Amino acid sequence: MERRSESHHFFPKLEERLSRPLPGLVAQLNMVPDPRPGNKVYTEVQDSCKRAGVLVLLYLKGKCVFVVLTRRTELVDRHQAQISFPGGRQEEGESLEQTALRETCEELGIRSSAIQILGKLTPLYIPPTNYCIYPVVARMTEQPQFKPSPYEVAEVLEIPLDYLFDPQTVRREMWILHGMNVEVPFYFFEGHKIWGATAMVLAEFVEILKGIKGGIGNEDI
């Protein structure tokens, strides 16, 4: 698949699109496990849930726009070995954008001054952990040189955006979760299964990208 990017067109278009109404839960549910673990949405629990900020970080590499995910180590307290966006729990006195930036810079060893925030996606409530995650979309203004934290990050995954539009990328399997048979949709990338909240955030982001003409190397966008 040919991959090219007109970043000077793509990033302004994306920023403008993020300023308008978002696809929201309808798009997120395209990648929700079945049965879904709870039916509440973030608007019902935002005053009682724990809050986390995550960064959907984009950057130009060669002629293609990439998004970065991480595989967590076995050393962290939660979600060991899972694929996730960089981010973490909000600390007192900081905005969710500040949380996402701080955590990302700590995990990936990059400079916050090289990151430009473009907008936000729809928050997502995760019933098993009582967390609301708030995805922030941003771009790197320089070529990233990742120096991942050995405590938090086992592997950095650099995914070209056009890969997310390949129909073979989305797969489904029956898993046993919490003693139940659950049909789990996931994005398959280089042997990794990207599922759960991370996949649901990606699903909304992909829906947004469908409305942006050109700029990420996919002729159908």
N, C-alpha and C. Protein backbone atom coordinates (compact mmCIF):
# COMPACT_ATOMS: atom_id res chain seq x y z
N MET A 1 0.85 -1.19 0.00
CA MET A 1 0.00 0.00 0.00
C MET A 1 0.89 1.25 0.00
N GLU A 2 0.64 2.12 -0.91
CA GLU A 2 1.43 3.35 -0.99
C GLU A 2 1.08 4.26 0.18
N ARG A 3 2.12 4.85 0.79
CA ARG A 3 1.91 5.70 1.94
C ARG A 3 2.55 7.05 1.69
N ARG A 4 1.74 8.09 1.70
CA ARG A 4 2.28 9.42 1.51
C ARG A 4 1.48 10.39 2.36
N SER A 5 2.01 11.53 2.62
CA SER A 5 1.32 12.48 3.47
C SER A 5 1.61 13.89 3.06
N GLU A 6 0.54 14.69 2.93
CA GLU A 6 0.69 16.12 2.75
C GLU A 6 0.38 16.75 4.11
N SER A 7 1.37 16.71 5.03
CA SER A 7 1.10 17.07 6.41
C SER A 7 0.66 18.51 6.56
N HIS A 8 1.11 19.40 5.64
CA HIS A 8 0.73 20.80 5.76
C HIS A 8 -0.75 20.99 5.48
N HIS A 9 -1.38 19.99 4.82
CA HIS A 9 -2.83 20.01 4.62
C HIS A 9 -3.54 19.17 5.68
N PHE A 10 -2.97 18.03 6.03
CA PHE A 10 -3.64 17.08 6.90
C PHE A 10 -3.86 17.62 8.31
N PHE A 11 -2.83 18.13 8.95
CA PHE A 11 -2.97 18.55 10.34
C PHE A 11 -3.93 19.71 10.53
N PRO A 12 -3.92 20.74 9.69
CA PRO A 12 -4.95 21.78 9.83
C PRO A 12 -6.36 21.25 9.61
N LYS A 13 -6.53 20.33 8.65
CA LYS A 13 -7.85 19.74 8.43
C LYS A 13 -8.31 18.95 9.65
N LEU A 14 -7.39 18.21 10.24
CA LEU A 14 -7.73 17.43 11.43
C LEU A 14 -8.11 18.34 12.59
N GLU A 15 -7.33 19.38 12.79
CA GLU A 15 -7.62 20.31 13.88
C GLU A 15 -9.00 20.95 13.71
N GLU A 16 -9.33 21.32 12.47
CA GLU A 16 -10.64 21.92 12.21
C GLU A 16 -11.75 20.90 12.46
N ARG A 17 -11.54 19.65 12.03
CA ARG A 17 -12.56 18.62 12.23
C ARG A 17 -12.79 18.35 13.70
N LEU A 18 -11.75 18.38 14.51
CA LEU A 18 -11.88 18.11 15.94
C LEU A 18 -12.63 19.22 16.67
N SER A 19 -12.75 20.38 16.05
CA SER A 19 -13.47 21.48 16.67
C SER A 19 -14.98 21.35 16.49
N ARG A 20 -15.40 20.42 15.65
CA ARG A 20 -16.82 20.22 15.38
C ARG A 20 -17.35 19.01 16.15
N PRO A 21 -18.66 18.76 16.15
CA PRO A 21 -19.21 17.60 16.88
C PRO A 21 -18.53 16.30 16.49
N LEU A 22 -18.29 15.45 17.48
CA LEU A 22 -17.54 14.22 17.29
C LEU A 22 -18.46 13.02 17.07
N PRO A 23 -17.95 11.95 16.47
CA PRO A 23 -18.77 10.74 16.29
C PRO A 23 -19.23 10.14 17.61
N GLY A 24 -18.39 10.23 18.64
CA GLY A 24 -18.78 9.83 19.98
C GLY A 24 -18.96 8.34 20.20
N LEU A 25 -19.90 8.00 21.11
CA LEU A 25 -20.08 6.63 21.55
C LEU A 25 -20.45 5.69 20.41
N VAL A 26 -21.21 6.17 19.45
CA VAL A 26 -21.63 5.31 18.33
C VAL A 26 -20.40 4.72 17.64
N ALA A 27 -19.38 5.54 17.41
CA ALA A 27 -18.16 5.05 16.78
C ALA A 27 -17.34 4.19 17.74
N GLN A 28 -17.28 4.58 19.00
CA GLN A 28 -16.51 3.80 19.98
C GLN A 28 -17.04 2.38 20.09
N LEU A 29 -18.36 2.23 20.01
CA LEU A 29 -18.98 0.92 20.19
C LEU A 29 -18.66 -0.06 19.07
N ASN A 30 -18.11 0.43 17.97
CA ASN A 30 -17.69 -0.48 16.89
C ASN A 30 -16.62 -1.45 17.35
N MET A 31 -15.89 -1.09 18.43
CA MET A 31 -14.80 -1.95 18.91
C MET A 31 -15.01 -2.35 20.37
N VAL A 32 -16.25 -2.40 20.81
CA VAL A 32 -16.53 -2.79 22.20
C VAL A 32 -16.68 -4.31 22.29
N PRO A 33 -16.13 -4.94 23.33
CA PRO A 33 -16.37 -6.37 23.53
C PRO A 33 -17.85 -6.65 23.75
N ASP A 34 -18.28 -7.86 23.37
CA ASP A 34 -19.67 -8.26 23.50
C ASP A 34 -19.74 -9.57 24.30
N PRO A 35 -20.38 -9.58 25.48
CA PRO A 35 -21.16 -8.50 26.07
C PRO A 35 -20.28 -7.38 26.61
N ARG A 36 -20.85 -6.18 26.55
CA ARG A 36 -20.14 -5.01 27.03
C ARG A 36 -20.11 -5.01 28.56
N PRO A 37 -18.96 -4.66 29.16
CA PRO A 37 -18.85 -4.67 30.63
C PRO A 37 -19.45 -3.42 31.26
N GLY A 38 -20.78 -3.33 31.28
CA GLY A 38 -21.45 -2.17 31.84
C GLY A 38 -21.98 -1.26 30.76
N ASN A 39 -23.03 -0.51 31.07
CA ASN A 39 -23.68 0.34 30.08
C ASN A 39 -23.58 1.83 30.35
N LYS A 40 -22.96 2.21 31.45
CA LYS A 40 -22.86 3.62 31.76
C LYS A 40 -21.86 4.32 30.84
N VAL A 41 -22.11 5.61 30.59
CA VAL A 41 -21.19 6.42 29.80
C VAL A 41 -20.60 7.50 30.70
N TYR A 42 -19.58 8.18 30.20
CA TYR A 42 -18.82 9.10 31.06
C TYR A 42 -19.69 10.22 31.63
N THR A 43 -20.72 10.65 30.90
CA THR A 43 -21.56 11.74 31.40
C THR A 43 -22.33 11.35 32.67
N GLU A 44 -22.52 10.05 32.88
CA GLU A 44 -23.25 9.58 34.06
C GLU A 44 -22.35 9.45 35.28
N VAL A 45 -21.04 9.39 35.08
CA VAL A 45 -20.13 9.09 36.19
C VAL A 45 -18.99 10.10 36.32
N GLN A 46 -19.01 11.16 35.51
CA GLN A 46 -17.85 12.04 35.47
C GLN A 46 -17.56 12.74 36.80
N ASP A 47 -18.54 12.79 37.70
CA ASP A 47 -18.30 13.39 39.01
C ASP A 47 -17.78 12.40 40.04
N SER A 48 -17.83 11.11 39.72
CA SER A 48 -17.41 10.09 40.68
C SER A 48 -16.28 9.19 40.20
N CYS A 49 -16.00 9.19 38.90
CA CYS A 49 -14.97 8.31 38.37
C CYS A 49 -13.57 8.91 38.57
N LYS A 50 -12.58 8.05 38.49
CA LYS A 50 -11.19 8.50 38.44
C LYS A 50 -10.91 8.96 37.01
N ARG A 51 -10.07 9.98 36.87
CA ARG A 51 -9.84 10.55 35.55
C ARG A 51 -8.40 10.33 35.08
N ALA A 52 -8.28 10.04 33.79
CA ALA A 52 -6.96 9.86 33.18
C ALA A 52 -6.92 10.59 31.85
N GLY A 53 -5.79 11.17 31.54
CA GLY A 53 -5.58 11.81 30.25
C GLY A 53 -4.64 10.98 29.41
N VAL A 54 -5.01 10.70 28.17
CA VAL A 54 -4.14 9.95 27.25
C VAL A 54 -3.90 10.79 26.00
N LEU A 55 -2.80 10.53 25.33
CA LEU A 55 -2.43 11.33 24.16
C LEU A 55 -2.45 10.48 22.90
N VAL A 56 -3.25 10.91 21.94
CA VAL A 56 -3.23 10.34 20.59
C VAL A 56 -2.19 11.16 19.83
N LEU A 57 -0.96 10.70 19.86
CA LEU A 57 0.17 11.49 19.37
C LEU A 57 0.51 11.10 17.93
N LEU A 58 0.46 12.09 17.05
CA LEU A 58 0.72 11.90 15.63
C LEU A 58 2.03 12.57 15.25
N TYR A 59 2.66 12.03 14.22
CA TYR A 59 3.90 12.65 13.75
C TYR A 59 4.19 12.17 12.33
N LEU A 60 4.95 12.99 11.65
CA LEU A 60 5.35 12.67 10.29
C LEU A 60 6.67 11.92 10.31
N LYS A 61 6.70 10.79 9.61
CA LYS A 61 7.92 9.98 9.51
C LYS A 61 8.06 9.57 8.05
N GLY A 62 9.10 10.09 7.41
CA GLY A 62 9.18 9.92 5.97
C GLY A 62 8.06 10.69 5.32
N LYS A 63 7.22 10.00 4.57
CA LYS A 63 6.08 10.65 3.91
C LYS A 63 4.75 10.17 4.48
N CYS A 64 4.76 9.61 5.69
CA CYS A 64 3.55 9.04 6.26
C CYS A 64 3.31 9.58 7.66
N VAL A 65 2.04 9.75 8.02
CA VAL A 65 1.68 10.15 9.37
C VAL A 65 1.48 8.89 10.22
N PHE A 66 2.09 8.88 11.39
CA PHE A 66 2.02 7.75 12.30
C PHE A 66 1.32 8.16 13.60
N VAL A 67 0.78 7.15 14.30
CA VAL A 67 0.29 7.32 15.67
C VAL A 67 1.08 6.34 16.54
N VAL A 68 1.37 6.76 17.77
CA VAL A 68 2.20 5.92 18.64
C VAL A 68 1.36 5.32 19.76
N LEU A 69 1.59 4.02 19.99
CA LEU A 69 1.04 3.30 21.13
C LEU A 69 2.19 2.65 21.88
N THR A 70 1.91 2.19 23.08
CA THR A 70 2.95 1.51 23.85
C THR A 70 2.43 0.17 24.37
N ARG A 71 3.34 -0.77 24.51
CA ARG A 71 3.03 -2.00 25.24
C ARG A 71 3.61 -1.83 26.63
N ARG A 72 2.73 -1.94 27.61
CA ARG A 72 3.13 -1.70 28.98
C ARG A 72 3.97 -2.87 29.52
N THR A 73 4.82 -2.58 30.46
CA THR A 73 5.64 -3.62 31.06
C THR A 73 4.83 -4.43 32.08
N GLU A 74 5.46 -5.45 32.62
CA GLU A 74 4.85 -6.23 33.70
C GLU A 74 5.07 -5.56 35.06
N LEU A 75 5.78 -4.43 35.08
CA LEU A 75 6.14 -3.78 36.33
C LEU A 75 5.09 -2.78 36.81
N VAL A 76 4.26 -2.29 35.89
CA VAL A 76 3.29 -1.26 36.25
C VAL A 76 2.15 -1.85 37.07
N ASP A 77 1.42 -0.98 37.75
CA ASP A 77 0.37 -1.43 38.67
C ASP A 77 -0.86 -1.99 37.96
N ARG A 78 -1.20 -1.40 36.80
CA ARG A 78 -2.43 -1.80 36.12
C ARG A 78 -2.17 -2.10 34.64
N HIS A 79 -3.01 -2.99 34.10
CA HIS A 79 -3.00 -3.29 32.66
C HIS A 79 -1.62 -3.73 32.17
N GLN A 80 -0.99 -4.59 32.94
CA GLN A 80 0.34 -5.07 32.55
C GLN A 80 0.30 -5.74 31.17
N ALA A 81 1.31 -5.41 30.36
CA ALA A 81 1.53 -6.02 29.03
C ALA A 81 0.48 -5.63 28.00
N GLN A 82 -0.46 -4.77 28.34
CA GLN A 82 -1.48 -4.37 27.37
C GLN A 82 -0.99 -3.22 26.49
N ILE A 83 -1.64 -3.09 25.34
CA ILE A 83 -1.33 -2.00 24.41
C ILE A 83 -2.20 -0.80 24.78
N SER A 84 -1.59 0.37 24.87
CA SER A 84 -2.35 1.55 25.27
C SER A 84 -1.76 2.81 24.66
N PHE A 85 -2.54 3.88 24.74
CA PHE A 85 -2.00 5.21 24.45
C PHE A 85 -1.15 5.65 25.64
N PRO A 86 -0.12 6.44 25.40
CA PRO A 86 0.60 6.99 26.55
C PRO A 86 -0.33 7.91 27.34
N GLY A 87 -0.22 7.86 28.65
CA GLY A 87 -1.07 8.68 29.50
C GLY A 87 -1.17 8.10 30.89
N GLY A 88 -2.00 8.71 31.73
CA GLY A 88 -2.13 8.24 33.09
C GLY A 88 -3.11 9.06 33.89
N ARG A 89 -3.14 8.80 35.19
CA ARG A 89 -4.12 9.41 36.08
C ARG A 89 -3.84 10.89 36.29
N GLN A 90 -4.91 11.66 36.29
CA GLN A 90 -4.81 13.10 36.52
C GLN A 90 -4.39 13.38 37.96
N GLU A 91 -3.44 14.30 38.09
CA GLU A 91 -3.00 14.73 39.41
C GLU A 91 -3.70 16.02 39.80
N GLU A 92 -3.76 16.26 41.09
CA GLU A 92 -4.44 17.44 41.59
C GLU A 92 -3.81 18.72 41.03
N GLY A 93 -4.66 19.62 40.57
CA GLY A 93 -4.19 20.91 40.10
C GLY A 93 -3.80 20.98 38.65
N GLU A 94 -3.90 19.86 37.91
CA GLU A 94 -3.55 19.90 36.50
C GLU A 94 -4.76 19.60 35.63
N SER A 95 -4.76 20.17 34.43
CA SER A 95 -5.81 19.88 33.47
C SER A 95 -5.55 18.50 32.86
N LEU A 96 -6.55 17.96 32.18
CA LEU A 96 -6.38 16.66 31.55
C LEU A 96 -5.40 16.73 30.39
N GLU A 97 -5.33 17.89 29.71
CA GLU A 97 -4.32 18.07 28.67
C GLU A 97 -2.92 18.02 29.28
N GLN A 98 -2.74 18.66 30.43
CA GLN A 98 -1.45 18.63 31.11
C GLN A 98 -1.10 17.22 31.56
N THR A 99 -2.11 16.49 32.03
CA THR A 99 -1.88 15.10 32.42
C THR A 99 -1.37 14.29 31.24
N ALA A 100 -2.07 14.39 30.11
CA ALA A 100 -1.69 13.62 28.92
C ALA A 100 -0.28 13.96 28.46
N LEU A 101 0.06 15.24 28.47
CA LEU A 101 1.40 15.66 28.06
C LEU A 101 2.46 15.17 29.04
N ARG A 102 2.22 15.37 30.32
CA ARG A 102 3.20 14.97 31.33
C ARG A 102 3.49 13.47 31.25
N GLU A 103 2.42 12.68 31.24
CA GLU A 103 2.58 11.24 31.22
C GLU A 103 3.27 10.76 29.94
N THR A 104 2.90 11.36 28.82
CA THR A 104 3.50 10.96 27.54
C THR A 104 4.99 11.27 27.52
N CYS A 105 5.35 12.45 27.99
CA CYS A 105 6.77 12.83 28.00
C CYS A 105 7.56 11.93 28.94
N GLU A 106 6.96 11.55 30.08
CA GLU A 106 7.63 10.65 31.01
C GLU A 106 7.80 9.26 30.41
N GLU A 107 6.77 8.76 29.73
CA GLU A 107 6.81 7.41 29.19
C GLU A 107 7.72 7.29 27.98
N LEU A 108 7.68 8.30 27.11
CA LEU A 108 8.39 8.20 25.82
C LEU A 108 9.69 8.99 25.78
N GLY A 109 9.96 9.80 26.80
CA GLY A 109 11.21 10.54 26.82
C GLY A 109 11.30 11.61 25.76
N ILE A 110 10.20 12.32 25.53
CA ILE A 110 10.19 13.39 24.52
C ILE A 110 9.88 14.72 25.19
N ARG A 111 10.07 15.82 24.44
CA ARG A 111 9.91 17.17 24.99
C ARG A 111 8.48 17.67 24.76
N SER A 112 7.87 18.21 25.80
CA SER A 112 6.52 18.75 25.67
C SER A 112 6.49 19.96 24.75
N SER A 113 7.61 20.68 24.65
CA SER A 113 7.65 21.87 23.80
C SER A 113 7.57 21.52 22.32
N ALA A 114 7.77 20.24 21.99
CA ALA A 114 7.69 19.79 20.60
C ALA A 114 6.33 19.20 20.26
N ILE A 115 5.35 19.36 21.17
CA ILE A 115 4.03 18.78 20.98
C ILE A 115 2.99 19.89 20.85
N GLN A 116 2.18 19.81 19.81
CA GLN A 116 1.12 20.79 19.58
C GLN A 116 -0.23 20.09 19.71
N ILE A 117 -1.06 20.55 20.62
CA ILE A 117 -2.39 19.97 20.81
C ILE A 117 -3.32 20.42 19.69
N LEU A 118 -4.05 19.45 19.11
CA LEU A 118 -4.96 19.72 18.01
C LEU A 118 -6.42 19.70 18.44
N GLY A 119 -6.73 18.96 19.47
CA GLY A 119 -8.12 18.87 19.91
C GLY A 119 -8.33 17.67 20.81
N LYS A 120 -9.58 17.29 21.01
CA LYS A 120 -9.92 16.19 21.90
C LYS A 120 -10.89 15.24 21.23
N LEU A 121 -10.88 14.00 21.71
CA LEU A 121 -11.89 13.02 21.33
C LEU A 121 -12.90 12.88 22.47
N THR A 122 -13.88 12.01 22.27
CA THR A 122 -14.92 11.82 23.27
C THR A 122 -14.39 11.02 24.46
N PRO A 123 -14.59 11.48 25.68
CA PRO A 123 -14.17 10.70 26.84
C PRO A 123 -14.85 9.33 26.85
N LEU A 124 -14.20 8.38 27.49
CA LEU A 124 -14.69 7.00 27.51
C LEU A 124 -14.64 6.47 28.94
N TYR A 125 -15.77 5.93 29.40
CA TYR A 125 -15.83 5.34 30.74
C TYR A 125 -15.49 3.86 30.67
N ILE A 126 -14.64 3.40 31.60
CA ILE A 126 -14.22 2.01 31.67
C ILE A 126 -14.75 1.42 32.97
N PRO A 127 -15.89 0.72 32.92
CA PRO A 127 -16.55 0.24 34.14
C PRO A 127 -15.68 -0.63 35.06
N PRO A 128 -14.89 -1.59 34.54
CA PRO A 128 -14.16 -2.45 35.48
C PRO A 128 -13.18 -1.71 36.39
N THR A 129 -12.68 -0.56 35.94
CA THR A 129 -11.70 0.17 36.75
C THR A 129 -12.24 1.49 37.28
N ASN A 130 -13.47 1.85 36.88
CA ASN A 130 -14.08 3.13 37.25
C ASN A 130 -13.22 4.32 36.81
N TYR A 131 -12.58 4.19 35.68
CA TYR A 131 -11.81 5.29 35.11
C TYR A 131 -12.57 5.91 33.94
N CYS A 132 -12.49 7.22 33.83
CA CYS A 132 -12.86 7.92 32.61
C CYS A 132 -11.57 8.37 31.95
N ILE A 133 -11.38 7.96 30.71
CA ILE A 133 -10.18 8.41 30.01
C ILE A 133 -10.56 9.52 29.03
N TYR A 134 -9.73 10.52 28.99
CA TYR A 134 -9.97 11.71 28.17
C TYR A 134 -8.86 11.78 27.11
N PRO A 135 -9.17 11.39 25.87
CA PRO A 135 -8.15 11.38 24.82
C PRO A 135 -7.89 12.78 24.25
N VAL A 136 -6.64 13.16 24.20
CA VAL A 136 -6.21 14.43 23.62
C VAL A 136 -5.42 14.12 22.36
N VAL A 137 -5.76 14.78 21.26
CA VAL A 137 -5.06 14.56 19.98
C VAL A 137 -3.99 15.64 19.81
N ALA A 138 -2.79 15.22 19.45
CA ALA A 138 -1.69 16.17 19.31
C ALA A 138 -0.74 15.70 18.21
N ARG A 139 0.13 16.59 17.80
CA ARG A 139 1.15 16.25 16.80
C ARG A 139 2.52 16.65 17.30
N MET A 140 3.51 15.91 16.86
CA MET A 140 4.90 16.29 17.11
C MET A 140 5.33 17.26 16.02
N THR A 141 5.99 18.33 16.42
CA THR A 141 6.46 19.32 15.46
C THR A 141 7.89 19.03 15.03
N GLU A 142 8.45 17.92 15.49
CA GLU A 142 9.78 17.49 15.09
C GLU A 142 9.79 15.97 14.99
N GLN A 143 10.80 15.45 14.34
CA GLN A 143 10.92 14.00 14.23
C GLN A 143 11.15 13.41 15.62
N PRO A 144 10.28 12.51 16.09
CA PRO A 144 10.43 12.00 17.46
C PRO A 144 11.63 11.07 17.59
N GLN A 145 12.30 11.20 18.71
CA GLN A 145 13.38 10.29 19.09
C GLN A 145 12.98 9.71 20.44
N PHE A 146 12.30 8.59 20.42
CA PHE A 146 11.75 8.04 21.64
C PHE A 146 12.83 7.43 22.52
N LYS A 147 12.74 7.73 23.80
CA LYS A 147 13.61 7.14 24.83
C LYS A 147 12.68 6.61 25.92
N PRO A 148 12.04 5.47 25.66
CA PRO A 148 10.98 5.00 26.54
C PRO A 148 11.45 4.66 27.95
N SER A 149 10.56 4.89 28.91
CA SER A 149 10.83 4.55 30.30
C SER A 149 10.91 3.04 30.45
N PRO A 150 12.01 2.49 30.95
CA PRO A 150 12.11 1.03 31.09
C PRO A 150 11.15 0.46 32.12
N TYR A 151 10.67 1.30 33.03
CA TYR A 151 9.71 0.82 34.03
C TYR A 151 8.31 0.71 33.44
N GLU A 152 7.93 1.65 32.58
CA GLU A 152 6.56 1.71 32.09
C GLU A 152 6.36 1.11 30.70
N VAL A 153 7.35 1.20 29.84
CA VAL A 153 7.17 0.86 28.42
C VAL A 153 8.06 -0.31 28.01
N ALA A 154 7.42 -1.41 27.61
CA ALA A 154 8.16 -2.56 27.11
C ALA A 154 8.46 -2.44 25.63
N GLU A 155 7.57 -1.74 24.89
CA GLU A 155 7.73 -1.62 23.44
C GLU A 155 6.96 -0.41 22.94
N VAL A 156 7.53 0.29 21.99
CA VAL A 156 6.86 1.40 21.33
C VAL A 156 6.34 0.92 19.98
N LEU A 157 5.05 1.12 19.74
CA LEU A 157 4.44 0.72 18.47
C LEU A 157 4.17 1.97 17.64
N GLU A 158 4.75 2.03 16.46
CA GLU A 158 4.55 3.15 15.55
C GLU A 158 3.67 2.66 14.40
N ILE A 159 2.43 3.13 14.37
CA ILE A 159 1.44 2.62 13.43
C ILE A 159 1.11 3.67 12.38
N PRO A 160 1.35 3.40 11.10
CA PRO A 160 0.93 4.34 10.05
C PRO A 160 -0.58 4.44 9.99
N LEU A 161 -1.10 5.65 9.89
CA LEU A 161 -2.55 5.83 9.95
C LEU A 161 -3.28 5.05 8.87
N ASP A 162 -2.72 4.96 7.69
CA ASP A 162 -3.45 4.28 6.63
C ASP A 162 -3.59 2.78 6.91
N TYR A 163 -2.75 2.24 7.78
CA TYR A 163 -2.87 0.83 8.15
C TYR A 163 -4.22 0.55 8.82
N LEU A 164 -4.73 1.54 9.53
CA LEU A 164 -5.98 1.36 10.27
C LEU A 164 -7.18 1.22 9.33
N PHE A 165 -7.00 1.53 8.05
CA PHE A 165 -8.10 1.43 7.08
C PHE A 165 -8.08 0.12 6.31
N ASP A 166 -7.09 -0.71 6.52
CA ASP A 166 -7.04 -2.01 5.88
C ASP A 166 -8.10 -2.92 6.53
N PRO A 167 -9.05 -3.45 5.76
CA PRO A 167 -10.11 -4.29 6.35
C PRO A 167 -9.57 -5.47 7.14
N GLN A 168 -8.40 -5.98 6.79
CA GLN A 168 -7.84 -7.12 7.50
C GLN A 168 -7.25 -6.75 8.85
N THR A 169 -7.18 -5.46 9.13
CA THR A 169 -6.64 -5.01 10.40
C THR A 169 -7.57 -5.33 11.56
N VAL A 170 -8.90 -5.23 11.34
CA VAL A 170 -9.89 -5.47 12.39
C VAL A 170 -10.27 -6.95 12.39
N ARG A 171 -10.12 -7.58 13.56
CA ARG A 171 -10.45 -8.99 13.70
C ARG A 171 -11.28 -9.20 14.97
N ARG A 172 -11.88 -10.37 15.10
CA ARG A 172 -12.67 -10.71 16.27
C ARG A 172 -12.36 -12.13 16.71
N GLU A 173 -12.32 -12.32 18.02
CA GLU A 173 -12.08 -13.64 18.59
C GLU A 173 -12.94 -13.81 19.84
N MET A 174 -13.21 -15.05 20.18
CA MET A 174 -13.87 -15.35 21.45
C MET A 174 -12.80 -15.56 22.51
N TRP A 175 -12.89 -14.78 23.57
CA TRP A 175 -11.97 -14.88 24.69
C TRP A 175 -12.77 -15.19 25.96
N ILE A 176 -12.08 -15.70 26.97
CA ILE A 176 -12.67 -15.84 28.30
C ILE A 176 -12.15 -14.68 29.14
N LEU A 177 -13.06 -13.79 29.53
CA LEU A 177 -12.72 -12.64 30.35
C LEU A 177 -13.59 -12.63 31.59
N HIS A 178 -12.95 -12.58 32.75
CA HIS A 178 -13.69 -12.57 34.02
C HIS A 178 -14.65 -13.75 34.10
N GLY A 179 -14.21 -14.90 33.57
CA GLY A 179 -15.01 -16.12 33.64
C GLY A 179 -16.13 -16.21 32.64
N MET A 180 -16.18 -15.26 31.68
CA MET A 180 -17.25 -15.25 30.68
C MET A 180 -16.69 -15.39 29.28
N ASN A 181 -17.48 -15.96 28.39
CA ASN A 181 -17.13 -15.97 26.97
C ASN A 181 -17.48 -14.61 26.37
N VAL A 182 -16.50 -13.96 25.82
CA VAL A 182 -16.68 -12.60 25.31
C VAL A 182 -16.12 -12.52 23.89
N GLU A 183 -16.91 -11.94 22.98
CA GLU A 183 -16.40 -11.69 21.63
C GLU A 183 -15.65 -10.37 21.65
N VAL A 184 -14.37 -10.42 21.32
CA VAL A 184 -13.50 -9.26 21.45
C VAL A 184 -13.03 -8.80 20.07
N PRO A 185 -13.40 -7.59 19.65
CA PRO A 185 -12.83 -7.02 18.42
C PRO A 185 -11.50 -6.36 18.74
N PHE A 186 -10.59 -6.41 17.79
CA PHE A 186 -9.28 -5.80 18.02
C PHE A 186 -8.63 -5.42 16.70
N TYR A 187 -7.72 -4.46 16.78
CA TYR A 187 -6.85 -4.13 15.66
C TYR A 187 -5.61 -5.00 15.77
N PHE A 188 -5.26 -5.67 14.68
CA PHE A 188 -4.09 -6.56 14.68
C PHE A 188 -2.94 -5.86 13.99
N PHE A 189 -1.85 -5.66 14.71
CA PHE A 189 -0.70 -4.95 14.16
C PHE A 189 0.59 -5.64 14.58
N GLU A 190 1.28 -6.23 13.60
CA GLU A 190 2.58 -6.87 13.82
C GLU A 190 2.56 -7.82 15.01
N GLY A 191 1.53 -8.65 15.05
CA GLY A 191 1.41 -9.66 16.10
C GLY A 191 0.73 -9.19 17.37
N HIS A 192 0.43 -7.89 17.46
CA HIS A 192 -0.20 -7.33 18.66
C HIS A 192 -1.70 -7.21 18.46
N LYS A 193 -2.45 -7.45 19.53
CA LYS A 193 -3.90 -7.30 19.53
C LYS A 193 -4.26 -6.07 20.35
N ILE A 194 -4.75 -5.04 19.66
CA ILE A 194 -5.09 -3.77 20.29
C ILE A 194 -6.59 -3.76 20.54
N TRP A 195 -7.00 -3.89 21.80
CA TRP A 195 -8.41 -4.08 22.10
C TRP A 195 -8.82 -3.20 23.28
N GLY A 196 -10.08 -3.36 23.70
CA GLY A 196 -10.56 -2.64 24.85
C GLY A 196 -10.67 -1.14 24.61
N ALA A 197 -10.38 -0.36 25.65
CA ALA A 197 -10.53 1.08 25.58
C ALA A 197 -9.66 1.69 24.48
N THR A 198 -8.45 1.15 24.30
CA THR A 198 -7.56 1.69 23.27
C THR A 198 -8.18 1.53 21.89
N ALA A 199 -8.76 0.37 21.62
CA ALA A 199 -9.40 0.13 20.33
C ALA A 199 -10.63 1.01 20.16
N MET A 200 -11.36 1.26 21.23
CA MET A 200 -12.57 2.09 21.14
C MET A 200 -12.22 3.54 20.84
N VAL A 201 -11.14 4.03 21.44
CA VAL A 201 -10.67 5.39 21.12
C VAL A 201 -10.21 5.45 19.66
N LEU A 202 -9.47 4.44 19.22
CA LEU A 202 -9.02 4.40 17.84
C LEU A 202 -10.20 4.37 16.87
N ALA A 203 -11.26 3.67 17.24
CA ALA A 203 -12.43 3.56 16.35
C ALA A 203 -13.04 4.93 16.10
N GLU A 204 -13.16 5.75 17.14
CA GLU A 204 -13.70 7.10 16.93
C GLU A 204 -12.74 7.93 16.09
N PHE A 205 -11.44 7.79 16.35
CA PHE A 205 -10.46 8.56 15.60
C PHE A 205 -10.49 8.18 14.12
N VAL A 206 -10.60 6.90 13.82
CA VAL A 206 -10.68 6.44 12.43
C VAL A 206 -11.92 7.02 11.76
N GLU A 207 -13.03 7.06 12.47
CA GLU A 207 -14.26 7.62 11.90
C GLU A 207 -14.06 9.09 11.54
N ILE A 208 -13.35 9.82 12.38
CA ILE A 208 -13.03 11.22 12.08
C ILE A 208 -12.15 11.33 10.85
N LEU A 209 -11.17 10.46 10.75
CA LEU A 209 -10.25 10.51 9.61
C LEU A 209 -10.96 10.24 8.28
N LYS A 210 -12.04 9.47 8.34
CA LYS A 210 -12.78 9.18 7.10
C LYS A 210 -13.34 10.44 6.46
N GLY A 211 -13.56 11.46 7.27
CA GLY A 211 -14.11 12.69 6.73
C GLY A 211 -13.08 13.69 6.28
N ILE A 212 -11.80 13.33 6.38
CA ILE A 212 -10.73 14.23 5.97
C ILE A 212 -10.21 13.76 4.62
N LYS A 213 -10.29 14.60 3.63
CA LYS A 213 -9.91 14.19 2.28
C LYS A 213 -8.39 14.27 2.10
N GLY A 214 -7.79 13.10 1.83
CA GLY A 214 -6.37 13.06 1.53
C GLY A 214 -5.50 13.30 2.74
N GLY A 215 -4.19 13.16 2.54
CA GLY A 215 -3.26 13.56 3.56
C GLY A 215 -2.73 12.46 4.45
N ILE A 216 -3.26 11.20 4.32
CA ILE A 216 -2.66 10.15 5.11
C ILE A 216 -2.34 8.91 4.26
N GLY A 217 -2.39 9.08 2.97
CA GLY A 217 -1.96 7.98 2.11
C GLY A 217 -3.02 6.95 1.83
N ASN A 218 -4.30 7.28 1.97
CA ASN A 218 -5.36 6.34 1.67
C ASN A 218 -6.32 6.98 0.69
N GLU A 219 -6.49 6.37 -0.45
CA GLU A 219 -7.25 6.99 -1.54
C GLU A 219 -8.74 7.13 -1.21
N ASP A 220 -9.22 6.34 -0.23
CA ASP A 220 -10.66 6.35 0.06
C ASP A 220 -11.04 7.41 1.07
N ILE A 221 -10.10 8.19 1.54
CA ILE A 221 -10.39 9.18 2.60
C ILE A 221 -10.52 10.55 2.00
